[in-house]
N, C-alpha and C. Protein backbone atom coordinates (compact mmCIF):
# COMPACT_ATOMS: atom_id res chain seq x y z
N MET A 1 87.37 -20.69 -7.04
CA MET A 1 87.27 -21.19 -5.66
C MET A 1 86.27 -22.34 -5.59
N PHE A 2 86.65 -23.39 -4.91
CA PHE A 2 85.79 -24.56 -4.77
C PHE A 2 84.54 -24.21 -3.97
N ASP A 3 83.39 -24.72 -4.41
CA ASP A 3 82.13 -24.46 -3.72
C ASP A 3 82.05 -25.34 -2.47
N LYS A 4 82.03 -24.71 -1.31
CA LYS A 4 82.10 -25.48 -0.07
C LYS A 4 80.86 -26.30 0.23
N LYS A 5 79.79 -26.07 -0.49
CA LYS A 5 78.61 -26.90 -0.24
C LYS A 5 78.85 -28.36 -0.63
N ASN A 6 79.89 -28.60 -1.44
CA ASN A 6 80.26 -29.96 -1.85
C ASN A 6 81.45 -30.50 -1.06
N LEU A 7 81.78 -29.84 0.06
CA LEU A 7 83.00 -30.20 0.77
C LEU A 7 82.97 -31.60 1.34
N LYS A 8 81.87 -32.00 1.93
CA LYS A 8 81.81 -33.32 2.56
C LYS A 8 82.15 -34.42 1.56
N GLU A 9 81.58 -34.36 0.37
CA GLU A 9 81.86 -35.37 -0.65
C GLU A 9 83.32 -35.30 -1.10
N ALA A 10 83.86 -34.08 -1.15
CA ALA A 10 85.24 -33.91 -1.62
C ALA A 10 86.26 -34.47 -0.65
N LEU A 11 85.88 -34.69 0.59
CA LEU A 11 86.83 -35.15 1.60
C LEU A 11 87.00 -36.67 1.64
N ARG A 12 86.37 -37.40 0.75
CA ARG A 12 86.39 -38.87 0.83
C ARG A 12 87.79 -39.45 0.69
N LEU A 13 88.53 -39.00 -0.29
CA LEU A 13 89.89 -39.51 -0.48
C LEU A 13 90.83 -38.31 -0.64
N TYR A 14 91.42 -37.95 0.47
CA TYR A 14 92.16 -36.71 0.64
C TYR A 14 93.65 -37.04 0.55
N ALA A 15 94.30 -36.60 -0.52
CA ALA A 15 95.71 -36.92 -0.76
C ALA A 15 96.60 -35.81 -0.20
N VAL A 16 97.50 -36.18 0.70
CA VAL A 16 98.45 -35.24 1.29
C VAL A 16 99.83 -35.53 0.72
N THR A 17 100.42 -34.58 0.04
CA THR A 17 101.67 -34.83 -0.66
C THR A 17 102.85 -35.01 0.30
N ASP A 18 103.84 -35.74 -0.19
CA ASP A 18 105.10 -35.91 0.53
C ASP A 18 106.18 -36.15 -0.52
N ASN A 19 107.18 -35.27 -0.52
CA ASN A 19 108.23 -35.36 -1.53
C ASN A 19 109.25 -36.46 -1.26
N ALA A 20 109.13 -37.14 -0.11
CA ALA A 20 110.14 -38.13 0.27
C ALA A 20 110.23 -39.29 -0.71
N TRP A 21 109.13 -39.56 -1.42
CA TRP A 21 109.10 -40.75 -2.28
C TRP A 21 109.07 -40.40 -3.77
N LEU A 22 109.47 -39.21 -4.13
CA LEU A 22 109.38 -38.81 -5.54
C LEU A 22 110.30 -39.64 -6.43
N GLY A 23 111.51 -39.89 -5.98
CA GLY A 23 112.46 -40.58 -6.84
C GLY A 23 112.75 -39.77 -8.09
N GLU A 24 112.54 -40.38 -9.26
CA GLU A 24 112.77 -39.69 -10.52
C GLU A 24 111.53 -38.93 -10.99
N ARG A 25 110.46 -39.03 -10.23
CA ARG A 25 109.20 -38.39 -10.62
C ARG A 25 109.13 -36.97 -10.09
N THR A 26 108.34 -36.13 -10.73
CA THR A 26 108.07 -34.80 -10.19
C THR A 26 106.83 -34.86 -9.31
N LEU A 27 106.69 -33.89 -8.44
CA LEU A 27 105.51 -33.84 -7.59
C LEU A 27 104.25 -33.69 -8.43
N ALA A 28 104.31 -32.88 -9.46
CA ALA A 28 103.15 -32.69 -10.32
C ALA A 28 102.74 -33.99 -11.00
N GLU A 29 103.71 -34.77 -11.45
CA GLU A 29 103.39 -36.07 -12.06
C GLU A 29 102.69 -36.98 -11.07
N CYS A 30 103.18 -36.98 -9.83
CA CYS A 30 102.58 -37.85 -8.81
C CYS A 30 101.16 -37.41 -8.48
N VAL A 31 100.95 -36.12 -8.36
CA VAL A 31 99.60 -35.62 -8.05
C VAL A 31 98.66 -35.87 -9.23
N ALA A 32 99.15 -35.71 -10.44
CA ALA A 32 98.31 -36.00 -11.60
C ALA A 32 97.87 -37.46 -11.60
N GLU A 33 98.76 -38.38 -11.22
CA GLU A 33 98.40 -39.80 -11.13
C GLU A 33 97.36 -40.02 -10.04
N ALA A 34 97.54 -39.37 -8.90
CA ALA A 34 96.58 -39.52 -7.80
C ALA A 34 95.20 -39.02 -8.21
N LEU A 35 95.15 -37.91 -8.91
CA LEU A 35 93.87 -37.38 -9.39
C LEU A 35 93.24 -38.33 -10.40
N ALA A 36 94.06 -38.89 -11.28
CA ALA A 36 93.53 -39.84 -12.26
C ALA A 36 92.98 -41.09 -11.58
N GLY A 37 93.55 -41.45 -10.42
CA GLY A 37 93.09 -42.62 -9.69
C GLY A 37 91.89 -42.38 -8.80
N GLY A 38 91.50 -41.11 -8.65
CA GLY A 38 90.28 -40.83 -7.89
C GLY A 38 90.45 -40.02 -6.63
N ALA A 39 91.61 -39.40 -6.41
CA ALA A 39 91.75 -38.49 -5.27
C ALA A 39 90.74 -37.36 -5.40
N THR A 40 90.08 -37.03 -4.30
CA THR A 40 89.00 -36.04 -4.34
C THR A 40 89.38 -34.73 -3.66
N PHE A 41 90.58 -34.66 -3.10
CA PHE A 41 91.05 -33.46 -2.39
C PHE A 41 92.56 -33.57 -2.35
N VAL A 42 93.27 -32.45 -2.47
CA VAL A 42 94.73 -32.47 -2.44
C VAL A 42 95.24 -31.39 -1.50
N GLN A 43 96.17 -31.79 -0.63
CA GLN A 43 96.89 -30.85 0.23
C GLN A 43 98.37 -30.90 -0.11
N LEU A 44 98.95 -29.74 -0.37
CA LEU A 44 100.40 -29.64 -0.56
C LEU A 44 101.05 -29.48 0.80
N ARG A 45 101.85 -30.47 1.16
CA ARG A 45 102.61 -30.42 2.42
C ARG A 45 104.09 -30.59 2.07
N ASP A 46 104.84 -29.52 2.20
CA ASP A 46 106.27 -29.56 1.90
C ASP A 46 106.97 -28.65 2.89
N LYS A 47 107.52 -29.23 3.94
CA LYS A 47 108.15 -28.46 5.00
C LYS A 47 109.58 -28.05 4.67
N GLN A 48 110.14 -28.62 3.58
CA GLN A 48 111.53 -28.32 3.24
C GLN A 48 111.68 -27.19 2.22
N ALA A 49 110.68 -26.96 1.41
CA ALA A 49 110.80 -26.00 0.31
C ALA A 49 110.89 -24.57 0.83
N ASP A 50 111.69 -23.75 0.14
CA ASP A 50 111.71 -22.33 0.48
C ASP A 50 110.47 -21.66 -0.13
N GLU A 51 110.31 -20.39 0.13
CA GLU A 51 109.08 -19.70 -0.27
C GLU A 51 108.84 -19.77 -1.78
N ALA A 52 109.88 -19.50 -2.55
CA ALA A 52 109.73 -19.50 -4.01
C ALA A 52 109.39 -20.88 -4.54
N ALA A 53 110.08 -21.91 -4.02
CA ALA A 53 109.82 -23.26 -4.49
C ALA A 53 108.43 -23.72 -4.09
N LEU A 54 108.00 -23.37 -2.88
CA LEU A 54 106.67 -23.77 -2.43
C LEU A 54 105.59 -23.12 -3.29
N ARG A 55 105.78 -21.87 -3.61
CA ARG A 55 104.78 -21.19 -4.45
C ARG A 55 104.74 -21.79 -5.86
N ALA A 56 105.89 -22.15 -6.38
CA ALA A 56 105.93 -22.78 -7.69
C ALA A 56 105.20 -24.12 -7.66
N GLU A 57 105.45 -24.92 -6.63
CA GLU A 57 104.75 -26.19 -6.48
C GLU A 57 103.25 -25.97 -6.36
N ALA A 58 102.88 -25.01 -5.52
CA ALA A 58 101.46 -24.76 -5.28
C ALA A 58 100.74 -24.33 -6.55
N ALA A 59 101.37 -23.47 -7.32
CA ALA A 59 100.74 -23.00 -8.56
C ALA A 59 100.55 -24.16 -9.54
N GLU A 60 101.53 -25.03 -9.61
CA GLU A 60 101.46 -26.17 -10.53
C GLU A 60 100.37 -27.16 -10.10
N LEU A 61 100.32 -27.45 -8.82
CA LEU A 61 99.31 -28.39 -8.33
C LEU A 61 97.92 -27.79 -8.38
N LEU A 62 97.80 -26.51 -8.13
CA LEU A 62 96.49 -25.85 -8.21
C LEU A 62 95.91 -25.99 -9.61
N ALA A 63 96.75 -25.82 -10.63
CA ALA A 63 96.26 -25.94 -12.01
C ALA A 63 95.74 -27.35 -12.28
N LEU A 64 96.45 -28.37 -11.77
CA LEU A 64 95.99 -29.75 -11.94
C LEU A 64 94.66 -29.98 -11.24
N CYS A 65 94.55 -29.47 -10.02
CA CYS A 65 93.32 -29.67 -9.25
C CYS A 65 92.15 -28.92 -9.85
N ARG A 66 92.40 -27.73 -10.34
CA ARG A 66 91.33 -26.97 -11.00
C ARG A 66 90.80 -27.75 -12.20
N ALA A 67 91.71 -28.30 -12.98
CA ALA A 67 91.30 -29.05 -14.17
C ALA A 67 90.48 -30.28 -13.79
N ALA A 68 90.77 -30.85 -12.62
CA ALA A 68 90.07 -32.05 -12.17
C ALA A 68 88.82 -31.73 -11.35
N GLY A 69 88.62 -30.45 -11.03
CA GLY A 69 87.48 -30.06 -10.21
C GLY A 69 87.62 -30.49 -8.76
N VAL A 70 88.86 -30.54 -8.28
CA VAL A 70 89.17 -31.03 -6.93
C VAL A 70 89.73 -29.88 -6.10
N PRO A 71 89.30 -29.72 -4.85
CA PRO A 71 89.84 -28.65 -4.02
C PRO A 71 91.31 -28.85 -3.69
N PHE A 72 92.02 -27.73 -3.56
CA PHE A 72 93.45 -27.74 -3.30
C PHE A 72 93.77 -26.79 -2.16
N VAL A 73 94.45 -27.30 -1.12
CA VAL A 73 94.86 -26.46 0.00
C VAL A 73 96.34 -26.63 0.25
N VAL A 74 96.89 -25.65 0.96
CA VAL A 74 98.31 -25.64 1.31
C VAL A 74 98.43 -25.88 2.81
N ASN A 75 99.37 -26.71 3.19
CA ASN A 75 99.60 -26.97 4.60
C ASN A 75 100.24 -25.75 5.26
N ASP A 76 99.56 -25.18 6.22
CA ASP A 76 100.08 -24.17 7.13
C ASP A 76 100.30 -22.79 6.51
N ASP A 77 100.78 -22.70 5.28
CA ASP A 77 101.30 -21.45 4.73
C ASP A 77 100.20 -20.61 4.09
N VAL A 78 99.63 -19.71 4.87
CA VAL A 78 98.53 -18.86 4.38
C VAL A 78 99.01 -17.93 3.28
N GLU A 79 100.22 -17.42 3.41
CA GLU A 79 100.74 -16.49 2.41
C GLU A 79 100.84 -17.15 1.04
N THR A 80 101.31 -18.39 1.02
CA THR A 80 101.39 -19.11 -0.26
C THR A 80 100.01 -19.38 -0.82
N ALA A 81 99.08 -19.77 0.04
CA ALA A 81 97.71 -20.00 -0.41
C ALA A 81 97.12 -18.75 -1.03
N LEU A 82 97.34 -17.61 -0.41
CA LEU A 82 96.85 -16.34 -0.95
C LEU A 82 97.53 -16.00 -2.27
N ALA A 83 98.84 -16.21 -2.33
CA ALA A 83 99.61 -15.82 -3.51
C ALA A 83 99.18 -16.57 -4.76
N VAL A 84 98.85 -17.84 -4.62
CA VAL A 84 98.52 -18.64 -5.81
C VAL A 84 97.02 -18.77 -6.04
N GLY A 85 96.21 -18.34 -5.06
CA GLY A 85 94.76 -18.47 -5.20
C GLY A 85 94.25 -19.85 -4.87
N ALA A 86 94.93 -20.54 -3.92
CA ALA A 86 94.48 -21.87 -3.50
C ALA A 86 93.11 -21.78 -2.85
N ASP A 87 92.47 -22.93 -2.70
CA ASP A 87 91.14 -22.96 -2.09
C ASP A 87 91.19 -22.76 -0.59
N GLY A 88 92.37 -22.92 0.02
CA GLY A 88 92.46 -22.70 1.45
C GLY A 88 93.73 -23.28 2.03
N VAL A 89 93.67 -23.55 3.34
CA VAL A 89 94.83 -24.08 4.05
C VAL A 89 94.39 -25.15 5.04
N HIS A 90 95.38 -25.94 5.45
CA HIS A 90 95.18 -26.85 6.58
C HIS A 90 96.22 -26.50 7.62
N VAL A 91 95.78 -26.27 8.85
CA VAL A 91 96.70 -25.87 9.90
C VAL A 91 96.65 -26.87 11.05
N GLY A 92 97.78 -26.99 11.74
CA GLY A 92 97.87 -27.85 12.90
C GLY A 92 97.74 -27.05 14.18
N GLN A 93 97.88 -27.72 15.30
CA GLN A 93 97.78 -27.05 16.59
C GLN A 93 98.97 -26.11 16.82
N GLU A 94 100.08 -26.37 16.13
CA GLU A 94 101.26 -25.53 16.30
C GLU A 94 101.38 -24.48 15.20
N ASP A 95 100.49 -24.51 14.24
CA ASP A 95 100.57 -23.61 13.10
C ASP A 95 99.74 -22.34 13.36
N MET A 96 99.60 -21.53 12.32
CA MET A 96 98.81 -20.32 12.44
C MET A 96 97.40 -20.65 12.93
N ALA A 97 96.92 -19.90 13.87
CA ALA A 97 95.59 -20.14 14.43
C ALA A 97 94.54 -20.10 13.34
N CYS A 98 93.57 -20.99 13.46
CA CYS A 98 92.48 -21.06 12.49
C CYS A 98 91.77 -19.72 12.37
N GLU A 99 91.53 -19.07 13.48
CA GLU A 99 90.81 -17.79 13.46
C GLU A 99 91.57 -16.76 12.64
N ARG A 100 92.89 -16.71 12.80
CA ARG A 100 93.71 -15.76 12.04
C ARG A 100 93.71 -16.12 10.55
N ALA A 101 93.79 -17.42 10.25
CA ALA A 101 93.75 -17.85 8.86
C ALA A 101 92.43 -17.45 8.22
N ARG A 102 91.33 -17.57 8.95
CA ARG A 102 90.02 -17.19 8.41
C ARG A 102 89.97 -15.70 8.10
N VAL A 103 90.51 -14.89 8.97
CA VAL A 103 90.54 -13.44 8.74
C VAL A 103 91.30 -13.12 7.46
N LEU A 104 92.45 -13.76 7.27
CA LEU A 104 93.29 -13.47 6.12
C LEU A 104 92.72 -14.03 4.81
N LEU A 105 92.10 -15.20 4.86
CA LEU A 105 91.65 -15.88 3.64
C LEU A 105 90.21 -15.57 3.27
N GLY A 106 89.42 -15.14 4.24
CA GLY A 106 88.04 -14.79 3.94
C GLY A 106 87.07 -15.94 4.12
N PRO A 107 85.78 -15.65 4.01
CA PRO A 107 84.75 -16.65 4.34
C PRO A 107 84.64 -17.80 3.36
N ASP A 108 85.08 -17.60 2.13
CA ASP A 108 84.90 -18.64 1.12
C ASP A 108 86.01 -19.68 1.12
N ALA A 109 87.11 -19.40 1.78
CA ALA A 109 88.24 -20.33 1.79
C ALA A 109 87.91 -21.57 2.61
N ILE A 110 88.55 -22.68 2.25
CA ILE A 110 88.46 -23.91 3.02
C ILE A 110 89.58 -23.91 4.06
N ILE A 111 89.21 -24.08 5.32
CA ILE A 111 90.21 -24.18 6.37
C ILE A 111 90.00 -25.46 7.15
N GLY A 112 91.02 -26.29 7.17
CA GLY A 112 91.00 -27.51 7.95
C GLY A 112 91.96 -27.41 9.12
N VAL A 113 91.65 -28.11 10.19
CA VAL A 113 92.49 -28.06 11.39
C VAL A 113 92.73 -29.48 11.90
N SER A 114 93.98 -29.77 12.26
CA SER A 114 94.32 -31.06 12.86
C SER A 114 93.96 -31.03 14.34
N THR A 115 93.22 -32.03 14.78
CA THR A 115 92.81 -32.09 16.18
C THR A 115 92.93 -33.53 16.69
N GLN A 116 93.08 -33.64 18.01
CA GLN A 116 93.14 -34.96 18.65
C GLN A 116 92.24 -35.08 19.87
N THR A 117 91.58 -33.99 20.24
CA THR A 117 90.70 -34.02 21.41
C THR A 117 89.40 -33.29 21.11
N VAL A 118 88.39 -33.58 21.90
CA VAL A 118 87.11 -32.88 21.76
C VAL A 118 87.31 -31.38 21.98
N GLU A 119 88.13 -31.02 22.94
CA GLU A 119 88.35 -29.60 23.24
C GLU A 119 88.98 -28.88 22.05
N GLN A 120 89.98 -29.51 21.44
CA GLN A 120 90.59 -28.91 20.25
C GLN A 120 89.59 -28.81 19.11
N ALA A 121 88.77 -29.82 18.95
CA ALA A 121 87.77 -29.84 17.88
C ALA A 121 86.76 -28.72 18.05
N LEU A 122 86.27 -28.55 19.25
CA LEU A 122 85.29 -27.49 19.52
C LEU A 122 85.91 -26.11 19.31
N ALA A 123 87.15 -25.95 19.73
CA ALA A 123 87.83 -24.67 19.53
C ALA A 123 88.03 -24.37 18.05
N ALA A 124 88.40 -25.38 17.28
CA ALA A 124 88.60 -25.19 15.84
C ALA A 124 87.29 -24.81 15.15
N GLU A 125 86.22 -25.51 15.50
CA GLU A 125 84.93 -25.18 14.90
C GLU A 125 84.52 -23.76 15.24
N ALA A 126 84.70 -23.37 16.48
CA ALA A 126 84.34 -22.02 16.91
C ALA A 126 85.17 -20.96 16.20
N ALA A 127 86.41 -21.31 15.84
CA ALA A 127 87.31 -20.37 15.17
C ALA A 127 87.07 -20.29 13.67
N GLY A 128 86.17 -21.14 13.14
CA GLY A 128 85.83 -21.05 11.73
C GLY A 128 86.32 -22.18 10.86
N ALA A 129 86.75 -23.28 11.45
CA ALA A 129 87.21 -24.42 10.64
C ALA A 129 86.05 -25.00 9.84
N ASP A 130 86.37 -25.48 8.63
CA ASP A 130 85.37 -26.13 7.77
C ASP A 130 85.37 -27.64 7.92
N TYR A 131 86.51 -28.20 8.33
CA TYR A 131 86.60 -29.65 8.56
C TYR A 131 87.74 -29.89 9.52
N LEU A 132 87.78 -31.09 10.08
CA LEU A 132 88.85 -31.48 11.00
C LEU A 132 89.59 -32.70 10.46
N GLY A 133 90.90 -32.70 10.62
CA GLY A 133 91.71 -33.89 10.38
C GLY A 133 92.03 -34.52 11.72
N VAL A 134 91.60 -35.74 11.94
CA VAL A 134 91.71 -36.37 13.25
C VAL A 134 92.50 -37.67 13.12
N GLY A 135 93.42 -37.89 14.04
CA GLY A 135 94.19 -39.12 13.98
C GLY A 135 95.28 -39.17 15.02
N GLY A 136 96.09 -40.24 14.92
CA GLY A 136 96.08 -41.21 13.86
C GLY A 136 95.21 -42.43 14.11
N VAL A 137 94.95 -43.09 12.98
CA VAL A 137 94.25 -44.37 13.02
C VAL A 137 95.22 -45.47 13.45
N ARG A 138 96.44 -45.35 12.95
CA ARG A 138 97.51 -46.27 13.30
C ARG A 138 98.80 -45.49 13.26
N GLY A 139 99.85 -45.93 13.93
CA GLY A 139 101.12 -45.22 13.92
C GLY A 139 101.64 -45.06 12.50
N THR A 140 102.32 -43.94 12.25
CA THR A 140 102.81 -43.66 10.91
C THR A 140 104.19 -43.01 10.97
N ALA A 141 105.03 -43.36 10.00
CA ALA A 141 106.36 -42.76 9.93
C ALA A 141 106.30 -41.32 9.45
N THR A 142 105.22 -40.93 8.78
CA THR A 142 105.11 -39.57 8.26
C THR A 142 105.09 -38.56 9.39
N LYS A 143 104.29 -38.87 10.45
CA LYS A 143 104.22 -37.99 11.61
C LYS A 143 104.26 -38.85 12.88
N PRO A 144 105.44 -39.36 13.24
CA PRO A 144 105.52 -40.28 14.37
C PRO A 144 105.10 -39.66 15.69
N GLU A 145 105.11 -38.31 15.75
CA GLU A 145 104.74 -37.65 16.99
C GLU A 145 103.23 -37.53 17.18
N ALA A 146 102.45 -37.91 16.16
CA ALA A 146 101.02 -37.64 16.19
C ALA A 146 100.25 -38.50 17.16
N GLY A 147 100.70 -39.73 17.39
CA GLY A 147 99.97 -40.60 18.30
C GLY A 147 98.78 -41.27 17.62
N VAL A 148 98.15 -42.17 18.33
CA VAL A 148 97.03 -42.95 17.81
C VAL A 148 95.83 -42.75 18.72
N LEU A 149 94.66 -42.56 18.13
CA LEU A 149 93.43 -42.39 18.89
C LEU A 149 92.61 -43.67 18.89
N ALA A 150 91.91 -43.92 19.97
CA ALA A 150 90.99 -45.04 20.05
C ALA A 150 89.72 -44.72 19.27
N PRO A 151 89.01 -45.73 18.77
CA PRO A 151 87.77 -45.48 18.02
C PRO A 151 86.78 -44.59 18.76
N GLU A 152 86.66 -44.76 20.09
CA GLU A 152 85.71 -43.95 20.83
C GLU A 152 86.12 -42.48 20.86
N GLU A 153 87.43 -42.20 20.73
CA GLU A 153 87.88 -40.81 20.67
C GLU A 153 87.48 -40.16 19.33
N PHE A 154 87.60 -40.92 18.25
CA PHE A 154 87.12 -40.42 16.96
C PHE A 154 85.63 -40.11 17.04
N ARG A 155 84.87 -41.05 17.57
CA ARG A 155 83.42 -40.88 17.63
C ARG A 155 83.02 -39.70 18.52
N ALA A 156 83.73 -39.50 19.60
CA ALA A 156 83.43 -38.38 20.49
C ALA A 156 83.68 -37.05 19.80
N ILE A 157 84.76 -36.96 19.04
CA ILE A 157 85.05 -35.73 18.31
C ILE A 157 83.99 -35.48 17.25
N ALA A 158 83.66 -36.52 16.49
CA ALA A 158 82.65 -36.36 15.43
C ALA A 158 81.30 -35.95 16.00
N ALA A 159 80.96 -36.49 17.17
CA ALA A 159 79.67 -36.16 17.79
C ALA A 159 79.64 -34.75 18.36
N ALA A 160 80.81 -34.20 18.67
CA ALA A 160 80.88 -32.91 19.33
C ALA A 160 80.75 -31.73 18.37
N VAL A 161 81.01 -31.97 17.07
CA VAL A 161 81.03 -30.87 16.11
C VAL A 161 80.04 -31.10 14.98
N ASP A 162 79.76 -30.02 14.27
CA ASP A 162 78.84 -30.09 13.13
C ASP A 162 79.55 -30.00 11.79
N ILE A 163 80.87 -30.07 11.81
CA ILE A 163 81.65 -30.03 10.57
C ILE A 163 82.23 -31.41 10.30
N PRO A 164 82.58 -31.71 9.05
CA PRO A 164 83.07 -33.06 8.71
C PRO A 164 84.40 -33.39 9.38
N VAL A 165 84.57 -34.66 9.66
CA VAL A 165 85.81 -35.17 10.25
C VAL A 165 86.44 -36.16 9.28
N VAL A 166 87.73 -35.97 9.03
CA VAL A 166 88.51 -36.86 8.17
C VAL A 166 89.55 -37.57 9.02
N ALA A 167 89.69 -38.86 8.84
CA ALA A 167 90.71 -39.63 9.57
C ALA A 167 92.04 -39.52 8.85
N ILE A 168 93.11 -39.42 9.63
CA ILE A 168 94.45 -39.36 9.07
C ILE A 168 95.41 -40.12 9.98
N GLY A 169 96.45 -40.67 9.37
CA GLY A 169 97.49 -41.31 10.16
C GLY A 169 97.46 -42.82 10.04
N GLY A 170 98.36 -43.37 9.23
CA GLY A 170 98.46 -44.82 9.11
C GLY A 170 97.37 -45.45 8.26
N ILE A 171 96.79 -44.68 7.34
CA ILE A 171 95.69 -45.21 6.54
C ILE A 171 96.22 -45.80 5.23
N ASP A 172 95.86 -47.07 4.99
CA ASP A 172 96.21 -47.74 3.75
C ASP A 172 95.10 -48.75 3.44
N VAL A 173 95.32 -49.60 2.46
CA VAL A 173 94.24 -50.52 2.07
C VAL A 173 93.85 -51.46 3.21
N GLU A 174 94.76 -51.74 4.12
CA GLU A 174 94.45 -52.62 5.24
C GLU A 174 93.66 -51.92 6.34
N THR A 175 93.90 -50.63 6.53
CA THR A 175 93.27 -49.93 7.65
C THR A 175 92.02 -49.15 7.26
N VAL A 176 91.78 -48.92 5.97
CA VAL A 176 90.56 -48.21 5.56
C VAL A 176 89.30 -48.84 6.16
N PRO A 177 89.16 -50.18 6.19
CA PRO A 177 87.94 -50.75 6.77
C PRO A 177 87.69 -50.34 8.22
N LEU A 178 88.73 -49.95 8.94
CA LEU A 178 88.55 -49.50 10.32
C LEU A 178 87.72 -48.21 10.39
N LEU A 179 87.68 -47.46 9.30
CA LEU A 179 86.98 -46.18 9.30
C LEU A 179 85.47 -46.35 9.46
N ALA A 180 84.98 -47.54 9.18
CA ALA A 180 83.53 -47.77 9.27
C ALA A 180 83.01 -47.51 10.68
N ASP A 181 83.87 -47.64 11.68
CA ASP A 181 83.45 -47.49 13.07
C ASP A 181 83.84 -46.15 13.69
N LEU A 182 84.32 -45.20 12.87
CA LEU A 182 84.89 -43.97 13.44
C LEU A 182 84.03 -42.73 13.22
N ASP A 183 82.92 -42.84 12.49
CA ASP A 183 82.05 -41.68 12.22
C ASP A 183 82.77 -40.58 11.45
N VAL A 184 83.61 -40.96 10.50
CA VAL A 184 84.32 -40.00 9.66
C VAL A 184 83.73 -40.02 8.26
N VAL A 185 84.01 -38.95 7.50
CA VAL A 185 83.47 -38.85 6.14
C VAL A 185 84.49 -39.25 5.09
N GLY A 186 85.76 -39.41 5.49
CA GLY A 186 86.78 -39.74 4.51
C GLY A 186 88.11 -40.02 5.16
N ALA A 187 89.11 -40.25 4.30
CA ALA A 187 90.45 -40.61 4.75
C ALA A 187 91.47 -39.69 4.10
N ALA A 188 92.39 -39.19 4.92
CA ALA A 188 93.53 -38.44 4.41
C ALA A 188 94.72 -39.39 4.35
N VAL A 189 95.34 -39.49 3.19
CA VAL A 189 96.33 -40.52 2.93
C VAL A 189 97.62 -39.89 2.41
N VAL A 190 98.74 -40.37 2.93
CA VAL A 190 100.03 -39.85 2.49
C VAL A 190 100.80 -40.96 1.77
N SER A 191 101.48 -41.81 2.53
CA SER A 191 102.40 -42.78 1.92
C SER A 191 101.70 -43.85 1.09
N ALA A 192 100.48 -44.23 1.47
CA ALA A 192 99.78 -45.27 0.70
C ALA A 192 99.50 -44.81 -0.73
N ILE A 193 99.55 -43.50 -0.95
CA ILE A 193 99.44 -42.97 -2.31
C ILE A 193 100.83 -42.65 -2.86
N PHE A 194 101.55 -41.77 -2.18
CA PHE A 194 102.74 -41.19 -2.80
C PHE A 194 103.99 -42.06 -2.70
N ALA A 195 103.97 -43.09 -1.87
CA ALA A 195 105.09 -44.03 -1.85
C ALA A 195 104.87 -45.20 -2.81
N ALA A 196 103.70 -45.26 -3.43
CA ALA A 196 103.39 -46.37 -4.33
C ALA A 196 104.17 -46.26 -5.64
N ASP A 197 104.54 -47.41 -6.18
CA ASP A 197 105.19 -47.42 -7.49
C ASP A 197 104.21 -46.99 -8.57
N ASP A 198 102.97 -47.43 -8.45
CA ASP A 198 101.92 -47.07 -9.40
C ASP A 198 100.87 -46.27 -8.63
N ILE A 199 101.04 -44.97 -8.60
CA ILE A 199 100.20 -44.11 -7.78
C ILE A 199 98.75 -44.14 -8.24
N GLU A 200 98.54 -44.13 -9.55
CA GLU A 200 97.16 -44.13 -10.05
C GLU A 200 96.40 -45.36 -9.58
N ASN A 201 96.99 -46.53 -9.73
CA ASN A 201 96.30 -47.76 -9.34
C ASN A 201 96.16 -47.87 -7.83
N ALA A 202 97.17 -47.41 -7.09
CA ALA A 202 97.08 -47.43 -5.63
C ALA A 202 95.94 -46.54 -5.15
N THR A 203 95.81 -45.38 -5.78
CA THR A 203 94.73 -44.46 -5.41
C THR A 203 93.38 -45.04 -5.79
N ARG A 204 93.31 -45.67 -6.94
CA ARG A 204 92.05 -46.27 -7.38
C ARG A 204 91.60 -47.38 -6.42
N GLU A 205 92.54 -48.17 -5.93
CA GLU A 205 92.20 -49.23 -4.99
C GLU A 205 91.74 -48.65 -3.65
N LEU A 206 92.41 -47.62 -3.17
CA LEU A 206 91.96 -46.94 -1.96
C LEU A 206 90.55 -46.40 -2.13
N SER A 207 90.29 -45.78 -3.27
CA SER A 207 88.97 -45.23 -3.55
C SER A 207 87.91 -46.32 -3.53
N ARG A 208 88.23 -47.45 -4.11
CA ARG A 208 87.27 -48.56 -4.14
C ARG A 208 86.93 -49.03 -2.72
N ILE A 209 87.96 -49.17 -1.89
CA ILE A 209 87.72 -49.66 -0.53
C ILE A 209 86.98 -48.62 0.31
N ILE A 210 87.31 -47.35 0.11
CA ILE A 210 86.58 -46.30 0.81
C ILE A 210 85.10 -46.33 0.43
N ASP A 211 84.81 -46.51 -0.86
CA ASP A 211 83.42 -46.58 -1.29
C ASP A 211 82.70 -47.77 -0.66
N GLU A 212 83.40 -48.86 -0.43
CA GLU A 212 82.81 -50.03 0.22
C GLU A 212 82.62 -49.81 1.71
N THR A 213 83.47 -48.96 2.30
CA THR A 213 83.51 -48.81 3.75
C THR A 213 82.60 -47.71 4.27
N LEU A 214 82.59 -46.57 3.58
CA LEU A 214 81.87 -45.40 4.06
C LEU A 214 80.60 -45.18 3.25
N PRO A 215 79.51 -44.82 3.90
CA PRO A 215 78.27 -44.54 3.16
C PRO A 215 78.43 -43.30 2.28
N ALA A 216 77.74 -43.29 1.18
CA ALA A 216 77.81 -42.15 0.27
C ALA A 216 77.18 -40.93 0.91
């Protein structure tokens, strides 16, 4: 299990998987490239896989993340996280309640929650969330329903809670510099990593810009 005292640092470049751009590649190959390029956190998000396939993916990615010393969580599916021994889960406002996930996974698990308002952020923290995913920074095809938050909304959420905030939604090499004004500790990235032809180099470039943008 990942030591949560290092969580803030681990959230700097948070890779969220998407099978839409695999092509001839396997998901494990893509995640291995992202880790080699400097991804510091990995979330498995696969809404199409059945239970058996999701667990197989999770077990494979967990092994890669363990070898890299990077935390690994599963989107929404607490049962899969428990079955494979993942570090935790990330849940949305429509997914299993954070409080219930905490009961099932225990105090050492990492639980992240997607939020868009101060009220949601405060509720998530009170329910036991370890970090918040807040966004979007810019519109994104990955989650077109998510909407875009103004910089002052990011800052209000970050000021309201004592847990780390990660920006998500429309983040790529062009938008990473916007994070300097949002009071976030890192960026959660989907297509800018997994849609790239060269995932390792794309991740390395994102990591470089994040290091230039956000204080250590």
